[in-house]
Amino acid sequence: MAQYFTVKAVFEVEDAKGKIKKQTETYLVDAMSVTEAEVRITEYLSERGENDFEVKSASKSNIVSVIEA
């Protein structure tokens, strides 16, 4: 049975005025543990060229299933 975890990552982004701001993104990760979810999101973001991020939190989600069309 699949387990889903909500993982929040914080990025530093530059706004239109050149000011650096922190932006939080939330991801749903299929994993067996919180630790695995953190590792998977770190690998996922690194593969996409994201270097400046921090995993802020990871917790078990109440989502039972993801239905794809």
C-alpha atoms as a PDB file:
ATOM      1  CA  MET A   1       0.000   0.000   0.000  1.00  0.00           C
ATOM      2  CA  ALA A   2       1.313   3.399  -0.958  1.00  0.00           C
ATOM      3  CA  GLN A   3       2.105   5.990   1.672  1.00  0.00           C
ATOM      4  CA  TYR A   4       2.196   9.672   0.862  1.00  0.00           C
ATOM      5  CA  PHE A   5       4.126  12.410   2.596  1.00  0.00           C
ATOM      6  CA  THR A   6       3.793  16.172   2.336  1.00  0.00           C
ATOM      7  CA  VAL A   7       7.226  17.745   1.972  1.00  0.00           C
ATOM      8  CA  LYS A   8       7.855  21.487   2.090  1.00  0.00           C
ATOM      9  CA  ALA A   9      10.927  23.007   0.475  1.00  0.00           C
ATOM     10  CA  VAL A  10      12.013  26.628   0.739  1.00  0.00           C
ATOM     11  CA  PHE A  11      13.670  28.380  -2.207  1.00  0.00           C
ATOM     12  CA  GLU A  12      15.359  31.740  -2.476  1.00  0.00           C
ATOM     13  CA  VAL A  13      13.946  33.632  -5.452  1.00  0.00           C
ATOM     14  CA  GLU A  14      14.587  37.091  -6.815  1.00  0.00           C
ATOM     15  CA  ASP A  15      11.536  39.294  -7.313  1.00  0.00           C
ATOM     16  CA  ALA A  16      11.034  41.883 -10.067  1.00  0.00           C
ATOM     17  CA  LYS A  17      12.805  44.552  -7.987  1.00  0.00           C
ATOM     18  CA  GLY A  18      15.870  42.367  -7.439  1.00  0.00           C
ATOM     19  CA  LYS A  19      15.072  41.597  -3.822  1.00  0.00           C
ATOM     20  CA  ILE A  20      15.715  38.041  -2.606  1.00  0.00           C
ATOM     21  CA  LYS A  21      12.666  36.414  -1.031  1.00  0.00           C
ATOM     22  CA  LYS A  22      11.929  32.986   0.369  1.00  0.00           C
ATOM     23  CA  GLN A  23       9.243  30.941  -1.368  1.00  0.00           C
ATOM     24  CA  THR A  24       7.798  27.714   0.033  1.00  0.00           C
ATOM     25  CA  GLU A  25       6.637  24.924  -2.273  1.00  0.00           C
ATOM     26  CA  THR A  26       4.739  21.836  -1.125  1.00  0.00           C
ATOM     27  CA  TYR A  27       5.218  18.419  -2.741  1.00  0.00           C
ATOM     28  CA  LEU A  28       3.369  15.127  -2.360  1.00  0.00           C
ATOM     29  CA  VAL A  29       5.873  12.265  -2.232  1.00  0.00           C
ATOM     30  CA  ASP A  30       5.234   8.513  -2.424  1.00  0.00           C
ATOM     31  CA  ALA A  31       7.645   6.958   0.101  1.00  0.00           C
ATOM     32  CA  MET A  32       7.871   4.433   2.925  1.00  0.00           C
ATOM     33  CA  SER A  33       9.141   6.872   5.588  1.00  0.00           C
ATOM     34  CA  VAL A  34       9.740  10.545   6.280  1.00  0.00           C
ATOM     35  CA  THR A  35      13.451  10.036   5.717  1.00  0.00           C
ATOM     36  CA  GLU A  36      12.863   8.438   2.323  1.00  0.00           C
ATOM     37  CA  ALA A  37      10.497  11.275   1.367  1.00  0.00           C
ATOM     38  CA  GLU A  38      13.179  13.854   2.216  1.00  0.00           C
ATOM     39  CA  VAL A  39      15.795  11.969   0.197  1.00  0.00           C
ATOM     40  CA  ARG A  40      13.466  11.574  -2.779  1.00  0.00           C
ATOM     41  CA  ILE A  41      12.527  15.278  -2.897  1.00  0.00           C
ATOM     42  CA  THR A  42      16.190  16.285  -2.565  1.00  0.00           C
ATOM     43  CA  GLU A  43      17.113  14.032  -5.501  1.00  0.00           C
ATOM     44  CA  TYR A  44      14.110  15.256  -7.510  1.00  0.00           C
ATOM     45  CA  LEU A  45      14.960  18.933  -7.071  1.00  0.00           C
ATOM     46  CA  SER A  46      18.693  18.419  -7.627  1.00  0.00           C
ATOM     47  CA  GLU A  47      18.029  16.579 -10.904  1.00  0.00           C
ATOM     48  CA  ARG A  48      16.035  19.608 -12.062  1.00  0.00           C
ATOM     49  CA  GLY A  49      18.922  21.978 -11.417  1.00  0.00           C
ATOM     50  CA  GLU A  50      17.664  23.442  -8.151  1.00  0.00           C
ATOM     51  CA  ASN A  51      20.630  24.142  -5.895  1.00  0.00           C
ATOM     52  CA  ASP A  52      19.415  26.768  -3.469  1.00  0.00           C
ATOM     53  CA  PHE A  53      16.695  25.027  -1.464  1.00  0.00           C
ATOM     54  CA  GLU A  54      16.114  23.642   1.991  1.00  0.00           C
ATOM     55  CA  VAL A  55      13.721  20.885   2.983  1.00  0.00           C
ATOM     56  CA  LYS A  56      11.763  22.490   5.819  1.00  0.00           C
ATOM     57  CA  SER A  57       9.346  19.745   6.817  1.00  0.00           C
ATOM     58  CA  ALA A  58       8.019  16.332   5.933  1.00  0.00           C
ATOM     59  CA  SER A  59       4.964  14.678   7.415  1.00  0.00           C
ATOM     60  CA  LYS A  60       2.659  11.781   6.671  1.00  0.00           C
ATOM     61  CA  SER A  61      -0.272  12.831   4.520  1.00  0.00           C
ATOM     62  CA  ASN A  62      -3.893  11.820   5.027  1.00  0.00           C
ATOM     63  CA  ILE A  63      -4.195  11.178   1.295  1.00  0.00           C
ATOM     64  CA  VAL A  64      -5.138   7.560   0.682  1.00  0.00           C
ATOM     65  CA  SER A  65      -4.730   7.401  -3.085  1.00  0.00           C
ATOM     66  CA  VAL A  66      -3.783   9.523  -6.061  1.00  0.00           C
ATOM     67  CA  ILE A  67      -6.005   9.010  -9.102  1.00  0.00           C
ATOM     68  CA  GLU A  68      -4.481  10.010 -12.414  1.00  0.00           C
ATOM     69  CA  ALA A  69      -6.605  10.621 -15.499  1.00  0.00           C
END
